[in-house]
Amino acid sequence: MSLSTGPHALAFTHLIVIRHGETAWNRDRRLQGQLDVPLNDTGRAQARALAEALTGEPIDAVYSSDLGRAMQTAAPLAEALGLSVRAEPRLRERCYGVLEGMTYAEVSEQRPEDFARWQARVPDYAPERGESLRKFQDRAVEIALSLSRRHPGERIALVAHGGVLDCLYREATGMTLEAPRQHELLNASVNRLRCDSAHLTLLQWGDVSHLAAMTLDEVDRRVP
């Protein structure tokens, strides 16, 4: 009896996972969570540079968190590819409940117990009206696998958030939820994973080479 279940049974899906561009709250080290914060000028420039870098790739679909900062990042890419952005709420950032809108320093000062549990990465801790790390991890991984199964053998872009990237990195590398993060979660970065419909494999992480020209432009503008 054949083990094959169809023409795509052994097909891998190539995931290009992208963190949204910079926002003013990123610079302020303020918890955005699921609040709808737009890109700043730098973030919009990053989105354009990202689109230019990926235009030549055979990308079959562009999915994005439905939060504005992610949709704004995905829009130039989708337009360059002649595709539409498919909004996907399950790609949203972790919900931090009552902590959303506060800076890291404010959480530390005003809600020290929450801060300690958050920083310790306690898997089942959830801020008031928020989401636990474990539930967030399950959500992020499941939507990545679900979209991969929808596109067997294809290449798809997922524009999401730092927390989502972290969840997928941990799943692909076998890193525990509790382990301190040592990998980077960079704005407008390109991160590549392979999925066989049930498992994620890390291919490339934290590529921001497409943003190098922006950095040089900023240096040039500061030269008297």
N, C-alpha and C. Protein backbone atom coordinates (compact mmCIF):
# COMPACT_ATOMS: atom_id res chain seq x y z
N MET A 1 0.86 -1.20 0.00
CA MET A 1 0.00 0.00 0.00
C MET A 1 0.88 1.24 0.00
N SER A 2 0.60 2.20 -0.84
CA SER A 2 1.38 3.43 -0.92
C SER A 2 1.10 4.31 0.28
N LEU A 3 2.16 4.97 0.78
CA LEU A 3 2.00 5.91 1.89
C LEU A 3 1.68 7.31 1.41
N SER A 4 1.75 7.53 0.13
CA SER A 4 1.49 8.86 -0.41
C SER A 4 0.01 9.20 -0.30
N THR A 5 -0.27 10.45 0.02
CA THR A 5 -1.67 10.90 0.13
C THR A 5 -2.03 11.88 -0.97
N GLY A 6 -1.19 11.99 -1.98
CA GLY A 6 -1.50 12.90 -3.07
C GLY A 6 -0.23 13.51 -3.64
N PRO A 7 -0.35 14.34 -4.66
CA PRO A 7 0.81 14.89 -5.35
C PRO A 7 1.67 15.77 -4.47
N HIS A 8 1.09 16.32 -3.36
CA HIS A 8 1.85 17.22 -2.50
C HIS A 8 2.27 16.55 -1.20
N ALA A 9 2.18 15.22 -1.12
CA ALA A 9 2.42 14.52 0.14
C ALA A 9 3.80 14.81 0.70
N LEU A 10 4.82 14.92 -0.17
CA LEU A 10 6.18 15.14 0.28
C LEU A 10 6.65 16.56 0.01
N ALA A 11 5.74 17.45 -0.33
CA ALA A 11 6.10 18.82 -0.68
C ALA A 11 6.31 19.65 0.58
N PHE A 12 7.37 20.44 0.57
CA PHE A 12 7.64 21.36 1.65
C PHE A 12 7.11 22.75 1.29
N THR A 13 6.65 23.46 2.29
CA THR A 13 6.27 24.86 2.11
C THR A 13 7.40 25.73 2.63
N HIS A 14 7.79 26.71 1.84
CA HIS A 14 8.83 27.66 2.24
C HIS A 14 8.14 28.88 2.85
N LEU A 15 8.44 29.14 4.13
CA LEU A 15 7.85 30.28 4.83
C LEU A 15 8.86 31.41 4.92
N ILE A 16 8.48 32.58 4.47
CA ILE A 16 9.27 33.79 4.68
C ILE A 16 8.55 34.58 5.77
N VAL A 17 9.08 34.54 6.96
CA VAL A 17 8.43 35.17 8.11
C VAL A 17 9.09 36.51 8.38
N ILE A 18 8.28 37.55 8.43
CA ILE A 18 8.78 38.93 8.48
C ILE A 18 8.19 39.65 9.69
N ARG A 19 9.05 40.31 10.44
CA ARG A 19 8.53 41.18 11.50
C ARG A 19 8.18 42.53 10.88
N HIS A 20 7.11 43.15 11.36
CA HIS A 20 6.70 44.46 10.85
C HIS A 20 7.82 45.49 11.01
N GLY A 21 7.71 46.57 10.27
CA GLY A 21 8.67 47.66 10.37
C GLY A 21 8.56 48.41 11.70
N GLU A 22 9.45 49.33 11.87
CA GLU A 22 9.55 50.05 13.15
C GLU A 22 8.35 50.96 13.42
N THR A 23 7.97 51.04 14.69
CA THR A 23 6.96 51.99 15.15
C THR A 23 7.59 52.90 16.20
N ALA A 24 6.92 54.00 16.50
CA ALA A 24 7.41 54.89 17.56
C ALA A 24 7.46 54.16 18.89
N TRP A 25 6.54 53.24 19.11
CA TRP A 25 6.51 52.51 20.38
C TRP A 25 7.66 51.51 20.48
N ASN A 26 8.14 50.99 19.35
CA ASN A 26 9.35 50.17 19.39
C ASN A 26 10.51 50.98 19.96
N ARG A 27 10.65 52.17 19.48
CA ARG A 27 11.76 53.03 19.95
C ARG A 27 11.59 53.39 21.43
N ASP A 28 10.36 53.53 21.86
CA ASP A 28 10.09 53.90 23.26
C ASP A 28 10.13 52.70 24.20
N ARG A 29 10.33 51.50 23.64
CA ARG A 29 10.27 50.26 24.43
C ARG A 29 8.94 50.19 25.20
N ARG A 30 7.87 50.39 24.44
CA ARG A 30 6.51 50.37 24.99
C ARG A 30 5.79 49.13 24.48
N LEU A 31 5.07 48.44 25.36
CA LEU A 31 4.37 47.21 24.99
C LEU A 31 3.19 47.52 24.07
N GLN A 32 3.28 47.04 22.84
CA GLN A 32 2.20 47.27 21.88
C GLN A 32 1.12 46.19 21.97
N GLY A 33 1.57 44.93 22.09
CA GLY A 33 0.60 43.85 22.14
C GLY A 33 -0.34 43.91 20.96
N GLN A 34 -1.63 43.91 21.23
CA GLN A 34 -2.62 43.95 20.16
C GLN A 34 -3.23 45.33 19.95
N LEU A 35 -2.60 46.37 20.54
CA LEU A 35 -3.01 47.73 20.21
C LEU A 35 -2.54 48.06 18.80
N ASP A 36 -3.31 48.87 18.10
CA ASP A 36 -3.05 49.10 16.67
C ASP A 36 -2.18 50.34 16.48
N VAL A 37 -0.88 50.14 16.55
CA VAL A 37 0.09 51.23 16.45
C VAL A 37 0.66 51.26 15.03
N PRO A 38 0.65 52.41 14.36
CA PRO A 38 1.13 52.46 12.96
C PRO A 38 2.65 52.50 12.87
N LEU A 39 3.17 52.25 11.69
CA LEU A 39 4.59 52.41 11.42
C LEU A 39 4.98 53.89 11.51
N ASN A 40 6.22 54.13 11.91
CA ASN A 40 6.75 55.48 11.80
C ASN A 40 7.43 55.65 10.44
N ASP A 41 8.09 56.79 10.22
CA ASP A 41 8.72 57.03 8.92
C ASP A 41 9.77 55.97 8.60
N THR A 42 10.55 55.59 9.60
CA THR A 42 11.56 54.56 9.39
C THR A 42 10.91 53.24 9.02
N GLY A 43 9.83 52.89 9.70
CA GLY A 43 9.12 51.65 9.41
C GLY A 43 8.57 51.60 8.00
N ARG A 44 8.05 52.72 7.54
CA ARG A 44 7.52 52.75 6.17
C ARG A 44 8.65 52.61 5.14
N ALA A 45 9.80 53.21 5.42
CA ALA A 45 10.94 53.05 4.53
C ALA A 45 11.45 51.61 4.55
N GLN A 46 11.43 50.98 5.71
CA GLN A 46 11.82 49.58 5.81
C GLN A 46 10.89 48.69 4.99
N ALA A 47 9.61 48.99 5.02
CA ALA A 47 8.64 48.20 4.25
C ALA A 47 8.92 48.30 2.76
N ARG A 48 9.27 49.49 2.30
CA ARG A 48 9.59 49.66 0.87
C ARG A 48 10.87 48.91 0.50
N ALA A 49 11.87 48.97 1.37
CA ALA A 49 13.13 48.26 1.10
C ALA A 49 12.91 46.75 1.09
N LEU A 50 12.07 46.28 1.99
CA LEU A 50 11.73 44.85 2.05
C LEU A 50 11.07 44.41 0.75
N ALA A 51 10.12 45.19 0.28
CA ALA A 51 9.41 44.85 -0.96
C ALA A 51 10.38 44.78 -2.14
N GLU A 52 11.30 45.73 -2.21
CA GLU A 52 12.26 45.74 -3.30
C GLU A 52 13.16 44.51 -3.25
N ALA A 53 13.54 44.10 -2.03
CA ALA A 53 14.44 42.96 -1.88
C ALA A 53 13.78 41.63 -2.27
N LEU A 54 12.48 41.51 -2.03
CA LEU A 54 11.81 40.23 -2.24
C LEU A 54 11.00 40.16 -3.54
N THR A 55 10.99 41.25 -4.30
CA THR A 55 10.16 41.29 -5.51
C THR A 55 10.49 40.17 -6.49
N GLY A 56 11.76 39.80 -6.59
CA GLY A 56 12.16 38.79 -7.56
C GLY A 56 11.90 37.36 -7.14
N GLU A 57 11.43 37.14 -5.91
CA GLU A 57 11.19 35.77 -5.44
C GLU A 57 9.82 35.27 -5.89
N PRO A 58 9.70 33.98 -6.18
CA PRO A 58 8.42 33.41 -6.61
C PRO A 58 7.49 33.17 -5.41
N ILE A 59 6.98 34.24 -4.86
CA ILE A 59 6.10 34.15 -3.67
C ILE A 59 4.66 33.97 -4.14
N ASP A 60 4.00 32.99 -3.58
CA ASP A 60 2.64 32.65 -4.03
C ASP A 60 1.53 33.35 -3.25
N ALA A 61 1.81 33.76 -2.03
CA ALA A 61 0.77 34.42 -1.22
C ALA A 61 1.44 35.24 -0.14
N VAL A 62 0.76 36.32 0.25
CA VAL A 62 1.23 37.18 1.34
C VAL A 62 0.14 37.25 2.40
N TYR A 63 0.46 36.75 3.58
CA TYR A 63 -0.45 36.82 4.72
C TYR A 63 0.10 37.82 5.73
N SER A 64 -0.80 38.46 6.48
CA SER A 64 -0.36 39.43 7.47
C SER A 64 -1.29 39.42 8.68
N SER A 65 -0.72 39.64 9.83
CA SER A 65 -1.52 40.01 10.99
C SER A 65 -2.42 41.16 10.57
N ASP A 66 -3.62 41.21 11.13
CA ASP A 66 -4.54 42.28 10.74
C ASP A 66 -4.27 43.60 11.46
N LEU A 67 -3.26 43.66 12.31
CA LEU A 67 -2.90 44.91 12.96
C LEU A 67 -2.19 45.83 11.96
N GLY A 68 -2.44 47.12 12.09
CA GLY A 68 -2.00 48.08 11.09
C GLY A 68 -0.52 48.06 10.76
N ARG A 69 0.33 47.92 11.79
CA ARG A 69 1.77 47.97 11.54
C ARG A 69 2.24 46.81 10.67
N ALA A 70 1.58 45.66 10.80
CA ALA A 70 1.91 44.51 9.96
C ALA A 70 1.33 44.68 8.55
N MET A 71 0.09 45.12 8.47
CA MET A 71 -0.54 45.32 7.17
C MET A 71 0.20 46.38 6.36
N GLN A 72 0.67 47.44 7.02
CA GLN A 72 1.43 48.49 6.34
C GLN A 72 2.76 47.95 5.82
N THR A 73 3.34 47.00 6.53
CA THR A 73 4.60 46.39 6.10
C THR A 73 4.36 45.45 4.92
N ALA A 74 3.26 44.73 4.96
CA ALA A 74 2.96 43.75 3.92
C ALA A 74 2.51 44.40 2.61
N ALA A 75 1.88 45.57 2.68
CA ALA A 75 1.25 46.17 1.50
C ALA A 75 2.23 46.43 0.35
N PRO A 76 3.39 47.06 0.57
CA PRO A 76 4.30 47.28 -0.57
C PRO A 76 4.80 45.99 -1.20
N LEU A 77 5.03 44.97 -0.38
CA LEU A 77 5.48 43.68 -0.90
C LEU A 77 4.41 43.06 -1.78
N ALA A 78 3.20 43.01 -1.28
CA ALA A 78 2.11 42.40 -2.05
C ALA A 78 1.89 43.16 -3.36
N GLU A 79 1.95 44.49 -3.30
CA GLU A 79 1.75 45.28 -4.51
C GLU A 79 2.84 44.99 -5.53
N ALA A 80 4.08 44.88 -5.06
CA ALA A 80 5.20 44.61 -5.98
C ALA A 80 5.07 43.24 -6.64
N LEU A 81 4.45 42.30 -5.92
CA LEU A 81 4.29 40.94 -6.44
C LEU A 81 2.99 40.76 -7.24
N GLY A 82 2.16 41.79 -7.24
CA GLY A 82 0.87 41.67 -7.91
C GLY A 82 -0.11 40.81 -7.15
N LEU A 83 0.03 40.77 -5.82
CA LEU A 83 -0.85 39.97 -4.97
C LEU A 83 -1.63 40.87 -4.02
N SER A 84 -2.63 40.32 -3.39
CA SER A 84 -3.34 41.03 -2.34
C SER A 84 -2.85 40.51 -0.98
N VAL A 85 -2.95 41.35 0.03
CA VAL A 85 -2.60 40.93 1.39
C VAL A 85 -3.79 40.21 2.00
N ARG A 86 -3.55 39.02 2.52
CA ARG A 86 -4.60 38.25 3.18
C ARG A 86 -4.47 38.45 4.68
N ALA A 87 -5.40 39.18 5.28
CA ALA A 87 -5.35 39.47 6.71
C ALA A 87 -5.65 38.21 7.53
N GLU A 88 -4.82 37.96 8.53
CA GLU A 88 -4.98 36.76 9.37
C GLU A 88 -4.81 37.15 10.84
N PRO A 89 -5.93 37.29 11.59
CA PRO A 89 -5.86 37.71 12.99
C PRO A 89 -5.01 36.80 13.88
N ARG A 90 -4.87 35.53 13.51
CA ARG A 90 -4.10 34.61 14.36
C ARG A 90 -2.60 34.87 14.29
N LEU A 91 -2.18 35.77 13.38
CA LEU A 91 -0.78 36.18 13.33
C LEU A 91 -0.51 37.40 14.22
N ARG A 92 -1.49 37.81 15.00
CA ARG A 92 -1.31 38.96 15.89
C ARG A 92 -0.26 38.70 16.96
N GLU A 93 0.26 39.80 17.50
CA GLU A 93 1.16 39.73 18.64
C GLU A 93 0.43 39.16 19.86
N ARG A 94 1.18 38.72 20.84
CA ARG A 94 0.61 38.27 22.11
C ARG A 94 -0.21 39.38 22.73
N CYS A 95 -1.33 39.05 23.31
CA CYS A 95 -2.15 40.02 24.03
C CYS A 95 -1.60 40.18 25.45
N TYR A 96 -1.22 41.41 25.79
CA TYR A 96 -0.67 41.69 27.11
C TYR A 96 -1.68 42.33 28.05
N GLY A 97 -2.94 42.39 27.65
CA GLY A 97 -3.99 42.87 28.53
C GLY A 97 -3.71 44.24 29.11
N VAL A 98 -3.76 44.34 30.44
CA VAL A 98 -3.63 45.64 31.10
C VAL A 98 -2.23 46.24 30.97
N LEU A 99 -1.27 45.46 30.52
CA LEU A 99 0.10 45.98 30.38
C LEU A 99 0.30 46.72 29.06
N GLU A 100 -0.61 46.55 28.13
CA GLU A 100 -0.44 47.17 26.82
C GLU A 100 -0.46 48.69 26.94
N GLY A 101 0.48 49.32 26.27
CA GLY A 101 0.61 50.77 26.32
C GLY A 101 1.63 51.26 27.32
N MET A 102 2.10 50.38 28.20
CA MET A 102 3.08 50.75 29.22
C MET A 102 4.49 50.50 28.69
N THR A 103 5.45 51.32 29.12
CA THR A 103 6.84 51.05 28.80
C THR A 103 7.34 49.92 29.71
N TYR A 104 8.46 49.31 29.31
CA TYR A 104 9.03 48.25 30.14
C TYR A 104 9.32 48.79 31.54
N ALA A 105 9.84 50.02 31.61
CA ALA A 105 10.17 50.62 32.91
C ALA A 105 8.91 50.81 33.75
N GLU A 106 7.81 51.22 33.12
CA GLU A 106 6.56 51.42 33.86
C GLU A 106 6.01 50.12 34.39
N VAL A 107 6.11 49.04 33.60
CA VAL A 107 5.64 47.74 34.08
C VAL A 107 6.49 47.32 35.29
N SER A 108 7.80 47.52 35.21
CA SER A 108 8.69 47.15 36.30
C SER A 108 8.36 47.91 37.59
N GLU A 109 8.05 49.18 37.44
CA GLU A 109 7.81 50.03 38.61
C GLU A 109 6.40 49.87 39.17
N GLN A 110 5.42 49.78 38.28
CA GLN A 110 4.03 49.81 38.72
C GLN A 110 3.43 48.43 38.95
N ARG A 111 3.96 47.42 38.26
CA ARG A 111 3.42 46.06 38.38
C ARG A 111 4.60 45.08 38.47
N PRO A 112 5.36 45.14 39.57
CA PRO A 112 6.58 44.34 39.68
C PRO A 112 6.36 42.83 39.61
N GLU A 113 5.22 42.34 40.13
CA GLU A 113 4.96 40.89 40.07
C GLU A 113 4.73 40.46 38.63
N ASP A 114 3.97 41.25 37.89
CA ASP A 114 3.76 40.95 36.47
C ASP A 114 5.09 41.00 35.72
N PHE A 115 5.89 42.01 36.03
CA PHE A 115 7.17 42.17 35.34
C PHE A 115 8.07 40.96 35.57
N ALA A 116 8.13 40.50 36.81
CA ALA A 116 9.00 39.37 37.15
C ALA A 116 8.56 38.11 36.42
N ARG A 117 7.27 37.83 36.37
CA ARG A 117 6.77 36.63 35.70
C ARG A 117 6.95 36.73 34.19
N TRP A 118 6.72 37.91 33.66
CA TRP A 118 6.90 38.14 32.22
C TRP A 118 8.36 37.93 31.84
N GLN A 119 9.28 38.55 32.58
CA GLN A 119 10.70 38.43 32.27
C GLN A 119 11.24 37.02 32.49
N ALA A 120 10.63 36.29 33.43
CA ALA A 120 11.05 34.90 33.70
C ALA A 120 10.46 33.92 32.69
N ARG A 121 9.58 34.42 31.82
CA ARG A 121 8.95 33.60 30.79
C ARG A 121 8.20 32.41 31.40
N VAL A 122 7.38 32.70 32.40
CA VAL A 122 6.56 31.67 33.03
C VAL A 122 5.48 31.26 32.03
N PRO A 123 5.47 30.01 31.55
CA PRO A 123 4.60 29.64 30.42
C PRO A 123 3.11 29.86 30.65
N ASP A 124 2.62 29.61 31.86
CA ASP A 124 1.18 29.70 32.09
C ASP A 124 0.76 31.01 32.75
N TYR A 125 1.70 31.93 32.91
CA TYR A 125 1.35 33.26 33.44
C TYR A 125 0.69 34.08 32.33
N ALA A 126 -0.42 34.73 32.67
CA ALA A 126 -1.08 35.64 31.74
C ALA A 126 -1.37 36.94 32.47
N PRO A 127 -1.01 38.09 31.89
CA PRO A 127 -1.40 39.36 32.49
C PRO A 127 -2.92 39.46 32.57
N GLU A 128 -3.42 40.29 33.45
CA GLU A 128 -4.86 40.48 33.55
C GLU A 128 -5.44 40.85 32.19
N ARG A 129 -6.44 40.10 31.74
CA ARG A 129 -7.10 40.26 30.44
C ARG A 129 -6.15 39.96 29.28
N GLY A 130 -5.05 39.24 29.56
CA GLY A 130 -4.07 38.94 28.53
C GLY A 130 -3.98 37.46 28.21
N GLU A 131 -2.94 37.09 27.52
CA GLU A 131 -2.75 35.76 26.97
C GLU A 131 -1.49 35.14 27.58
N SER A 132 -1.57 33.87 27.95
CA SER A 132 -0.38 33.21 28.49
C SER A 132 0.61 32.91 27.36
N LEU A 133 1.86 32.76 27.73
CA LEU A 133 2.90 32.44 26.76
C LEU A 133 2.61 31.10 26.08
N ARG A 134 2.12 30.13 26.84
CA ARG A 134 1.83 28.81 26.27
C ARG A 134 0.71 28.89 25.23
N LYS A 135 -0.35 29.61 25.55
CA LYS A 135 -1.45 29.74 24.59
C LYS A 135 -1.02 30.52 23.35
N PHE A 136 -0.19 31.53 23.56
CA PHE A 136 0.33 32.30 22.44
C PHE A 136 1.18 31.43 21.53
N GLN A 137 2.06 30.63 22.12
CA GLN A 137 2.90 29.72 21.35
C GLN A 137 2.05 28.76 20.53
N ASP A 138 1.05 28.19 21.16
CA ASP A 138 0.17 27.24 20.45
C ASP A 138 -0.52 27.93 19.27
N ARG A 139 -0.99 29.15 19.49
CA ARG A 139 -1.68 29.89 18.42
C ARG A 139 -0.74 30.18 17.26
N ALA A 140 0.46 30.68 17.55
CA ALA A 140 1.39 31.08 16.50
C ALA A 140 1.85 29.87 15.68
N VAL A 141 2.16 28.78 16.35
CA VAL A 141 2.63 27.60 15.64
C VAL A 141 1.51 26.99 14.80
N GLU A 142 0.32 26.93 15.37
CA GLU A 142 -0.80 26.31 14.65
C GLU A 142 -1.15 27.08 13.38
N ILE A 143 -1.14 28.42 13.42
CA ILE A 143 -1.49 29.14 12.20
C ILE A 143 -0.38 29.00 11.16
N ALA A 144 0.88 28.93 11.58
CA ALA A 144 1.96 28.72 10.62
C ALA A 144 1.82 27.36 9.94
N LEU A 145 1.51 26.33 10.72
CA LEU A 145 1.33 24.99 10.15
C LEU A 145 0.09 24.93 9.26
N SER A 146 -0.98 25.59 9.70
CA SER A 146 -2.22 25.59 8.94
C SER A 146 -2.03 26.26 7.58
N LEU A 147 -1.35 27.40 7.55
CA LEU A 147 -1.13 28.09 6.29
C LEU A 147 -0.17 27.29 5.39
N SER A 148 0.77 26.59 6.01
CA SER A 148 1.68 25.74 5.23
C SER A 148 0.92 24.61 4.55
N ARG A 149 -0.01 24.03 5.28
CA ARG A 149 -0.81 22.94 4.70
C ARG A 149 -1.71 23.47 3.58
N ARG A 150 -2.08 24.73 3.65
CA ARG A 150 -2.90 25.33 2.61
C ARG A 150 -2.10 25.57 1.33
N HIS A 151 -0.76 25.65 1.46
CA HIS A 151 0.09 25.97 0.32
C HIS A 151 1.23 24.96 0.18
N PRO A 152 0.93 23.69 0.01
CA PRO A 152 2.01 22.70 -0.10
C PRO A 152 2.88 22.95 -1.33
N GLY A 153 4.18 22.89 -1.13
CA GLY A 153 5.10 23.07 -2.24
C GLY A 153 5.25 24.50 -2.71
N GLU A 154 4.65 25.45 -2.00
CA GLU A 154 4.70 26.85 -2.42
C GLU A 154 5.56 27.67 -1.47
N ARG A 155 5.70 28.94 -1.81
CA ARG A 155 6.48 29.88 -1.01
C ARG A 155 5.53 31.00 -0.57
N ILE A 156 5.40 31.20 0.74
CA ILE A 156 4.46 32.20 1.23
C ILE A 156 5.16 33.12 2.23
N ALA A 157 4.71 34.36 2.26
CA ALA A 157 5.24 35.35 3.20
C ALA A 157 4.22 35.55 4.32
N LEU A 158 4.71 35.56 5.54
CA LEU A 158 3.89 35.82 6.72
C LEU A 158 4.44 37.05 7.41
N VAL A 159 3.68 38.13 7.44
CA VAL A 159 4.13 39.36 8.11
C VAL A 159 3.46 39.41 9.47
N ALA A 160 4.28 39.41 10.50
CA ALA A 160 3.73 39.30 11.85
C ALA A 160 4.51 40.20 12.82
N HIS A 161 4.77 39.68 14.01
CA HIS A 161 5.30 40.48 15.11
C HIS A 161 6.46 39.74 15.78
N GLY A 162 7.21 40.48 16.60
CA GLY A 162 8.36 39.88 17.25
C GLY A 162 8.03 38.64 18.05
N GLY A 163 6.92 38.69 18.78
CA GLY A 163 6.53 37.54 19.58
C GLY A 163 6.22 36.32 18.74
N VAL A 164 5.58 36.53 17.61
CA VAL A 164 5.26 35.41 16.71
C VAL A 164 6.54 34.80 16.15
N LEU A 165 7.47 35.66 15.74
CA LEU A 165 8.76 35.17 15.26
C LEU A 165 9.45 34.32 16.33
N ASP A 166 9.41 34.80 17.56
CA ASP A 166 10.05 34.07 18.66
C ASP A 166 9.43 32.68 18.83
N CYS A 167 8.12 32.61 18.77
CA CYS A 167 7.43 31.33 18.91
C CYS A 167 7.85 30.35 17.81
N LEU A 168 7.93 30.83 16.59
CA LEU A 168 8.27 29.96 15.46
C LEU A 168 9.72 29.53 15.52
N TYR A 169 10.60 30.42 15.95
CA TYR A 169 12.02 30.06 16.12
C TYR A 169 12.16 28.94 17.15
N ARG A 170 11.47 29.08 18.27
CA ARG A 170 11.56 28.07 19.32
C ARG A 170 11.01 26.73 18.85
N GLU A 171 9.91 26.76 18.12
CA GLU A 171 9.33 25.52 17.61
C GLU A 171 10.29 24.84 16.63
N ALA A 172 10.91 25.63 15.75
CA ALA A 172 11.77 25.06 14.72
C ALA A 172 13.09 24.53 15.27
N THR A 173 13.54 25.08 16.39
CA THR A 173 14.84 24.68 16.94
C THR A 173 14.74 23.81 18.18
N GLY A 174 13.52 23.58 18.66
CA GLY A 174 13.34 22.78 19.87
C GLY A 174 13.68 23.54 21.14
N MET A 175 13.73 24.84 21.06
CA MET A 175 14.04 25.69 22.22
C MET A 175 12.81 25.79 23.12
N THR A 176 13.00 25.67 24.42
CA THR A 176 11.86 25.69 25.34
C THR A 176 11.30 27.10 25.48
N LEU A 177 10.07 27.17 25.96
CA LEU A 177 9.44 28.47 26.21
C LEU A 177 10.17 29.25 27.28
N GLU A 178 10.73 28.55 28.27
CA GLU A 178 11.36 29.20 29.42
C GLU A 178 12.76 29.72 29.12
N ALA A 179 13.41 29.18 28.11
CA ALA A 179 14.81 29.52 27.84
C ALA A 179 14.96 31.00 27.47
N PRO A 180 15.96 31.67 28.03
CA PRO A 180 16.20 33.08 27.68
C PRO A 180 16.46 33.22 26.18
N ARG A 181 15.94 34.28 25.60
CA ARG A 181 16.11 34.49 24.17
C ARG A 181 17.51 34.99 23.87
N GLN A 182 18.16 34.34 22.89
CA GLN A 182 19.47 34.77 22.42
C GLN A 182 19.44 35.11 20.93
N HIS A 183 18.33 34.84 20.27
CA HIS A 183 18.18 35.15 18.86
C HIS A 183 17.53 36.53 18.72
N GLU A 184 17.80 37.20 17.61
CA GLU A 184 17.29 38.55 17.40
C GLU A 184 15.91 38.52 16.74
N LEU A 185 15.11 39.54 17.05
CA LEU A 185 13.79 39.71 16.46
C LEU A 185 13.75 41.13 15.87
N LEU A 186 14.26 41.27 14.67
CA LEU A 186 14.53 42.58 14.10
C LEU A 186 13.38 43.07 13.23
N ASN A 187 13.11 44.37 13.33
CA ASN A 187 12.08 44.98 12.50
C ASN A 187 12.41 44.80 11.01
N ALA A 188 11.42 44.40 10.24
CA ALA A 188 11.52 44.22 8.78
C ALA A 188 12.56 43.17 8.40
N SER A 189 12.86 42.26 9.31
CA SER A 189 13.82 41.21 9.00
C SER A 189 13.17 40.08 8.21
N VAL A 190 14.00 39.39 7.42
CA VAL A 190 13.57 38.22 6.66
C VAL A 190 14.07 36.98 7.38
N ASN A 191 13.14 36.08 7.69
CA ASN A 191 13.45 34.85 8.42
C ASN A 191 12.80 33.70 7.66
N ARG A 192 13.57 32.65 7.39
CA ARG A 192 13.07 31.59 6.51
C ARG A 192 12.95 30.26 7.26
N LEU A 193 11.82 29.63 7.07
CA LEU A 193 11.54 28.32 7.66
C LEU A 193 11.01 27.39 6.57
N ARG A 194 11.18 26.11 6.80
CA ARG A 194 10.60 25.09 5.91
C ARG A 194 9.60 24.31 6.73
N CYS A 195 8.48 23.98 6.10
CA CYS A 195 7.44 23.23 6.81
C CYS A 195 6.99 22.05 5.97
N ASP A 196 6.90 20.90 6.62
CA ASP A 196 6.41 19.70 5.91
C ASP A 196 4.98 19.39 6.29
N SER A 197 4.26 20.39 6.76
CA SER A 197 2.86 20.34 7.19
C SER A 197 2.70 20.00 8.66
N ALA A 198 3.75 19.43 9.28
CA ALA A 198 3.66 19.08 10.70
C ALA A 198 4.85 19.58 11.50
N HIS A 199 5.96 19.90 10.82
CA HIS A 199 7.17 20.31 11.52
C HIS A 199 7.81 21.51 10.83
N LEU A 200 8.38 22.39 11.64
CA LEU A 200 9.10 23.55 11.13
C LEU A 200 10.60 23.31 11.23
N THR A 201 11.33 23.74 10.21
CA THR A 201 12.79 23.65 10.20
C THR A 201 13.36 25.03 9.89
N LEU A 202 14.34 25.46 10.66
CA LEU A 202 14.95 26.76 10.46
C LEU A 202 15.92 26.73 9.28
N LEU A 203 15.78 27.70 8.37
CA LEU A 203 16.68 27.82 7.22
C LEU A 203 17.59 29.05 7.33
N GLN A 204 17.04 30.17 7.75
CA GLN A 204 17.79 31.43 7.83
C GLN A 204 17.11 32.33 8.84
N TRP A 205 17.91 33.13 9.56
CA TRP A 205 17.30 33.98 10.59
C TRP A 205 17.93 35.37 10.61
N GLY A 206 17.06 36.36 10.78
CA GLY A 206 17.50 37.73 11.06
C GLY A 206 18.21 38.44 9.93
N ASP A 207 17.82 38.18 8.69
CA ASP A 207 18.46 38.84 7.55
C ASP A 207 17.90 40.26 7.38
N VAL A 208 18.76 41.25 7.57
CA VAL A 208 18.36 42.65 7.35
C VAL A 208 19.31 43.32 6.35
N SER A 209 19.95 42.53 5.51
CA SER A 209 20.89 43.08 4.54
C SER A 209 20.22 44.09 3.60
N HIS A 210 18.91 43.90 3.37
CA HIS A 210 18.18 44.81 2.50
C HIS A 210 17.99 46.20 3.11
N LEU A 211 18.29 46.34 4.40
CA LEU A 211 18.14 47.63 5.08
C LEU A 211 19.47 48.38 5.16
N ALA A 212 20.55 47.79 4.65
CA ALA A 212 21.88 48.40 4.77
C ALA A 212 21.93 49.78 4.11
N ALA A 213 21.31 49.92 2.96
CA ALA A 213 21.34 51.21 2.25
C ALA A 213 20.64 52.29 3.06
N MET A 214 19.59 51.92 3.79
CA MET A 214 18.90 52.89 4.65
C MET A 214 19.83 53.40 5.72
N THR A 215 20.61 52.50 6.33
CA THR A 215 21.54 52.89 7.38
C THR A 215 22.59 53.84 6.84
N LEU A 216 23.10 53.56 5.64
CA LEU A 216 24.09 54.44 5.03
C LEU A 216 23.50 55.81 4.74
N ASP A 217 22.24 55.84 4.30
CA ASP A 217 21.58 57.12 4.02
C ASP A 217 21.47 57.95 5.29
N GLU A 218 21.14 57.30 6.42
CA GLU A 218 21.01 58.02 7.68
C GLU A 218 22.36 58.60 8.10
N VAL A 219 23.44 57.82 7.90
CA VAL A 219 24.78 58.32 8.23
C VAL A 219 25.12 59.52 7.35
N ASP A 220 24.82 59.42 6.07
CA ASP A 220 25.11 60.52 5.13
C ASP A 220 24.38 61.81 5.53
N ARG A 221 23.14 61.64 6.02
CA ARG A 221 22.37 62.82 6.40
C ARG A 221 22.94 63.51 7.64
N ARG A 222 23.68 62.73 8.48
CA ARG A 222 24.24 63.33 9.70
C ARG A 222 25.59 63.98 9.45
N VAL A 223 26.19 63.73 8.28
CA VAL A 223 27.50 64.33 7.97
C VAL A 223 27.30 65.80 7.63
N PRO A 224 28.02 66.72 8.32
CA PRO A 224 27.82 68.15 8.06
C PRO A 224 28.36 68.55 6.68
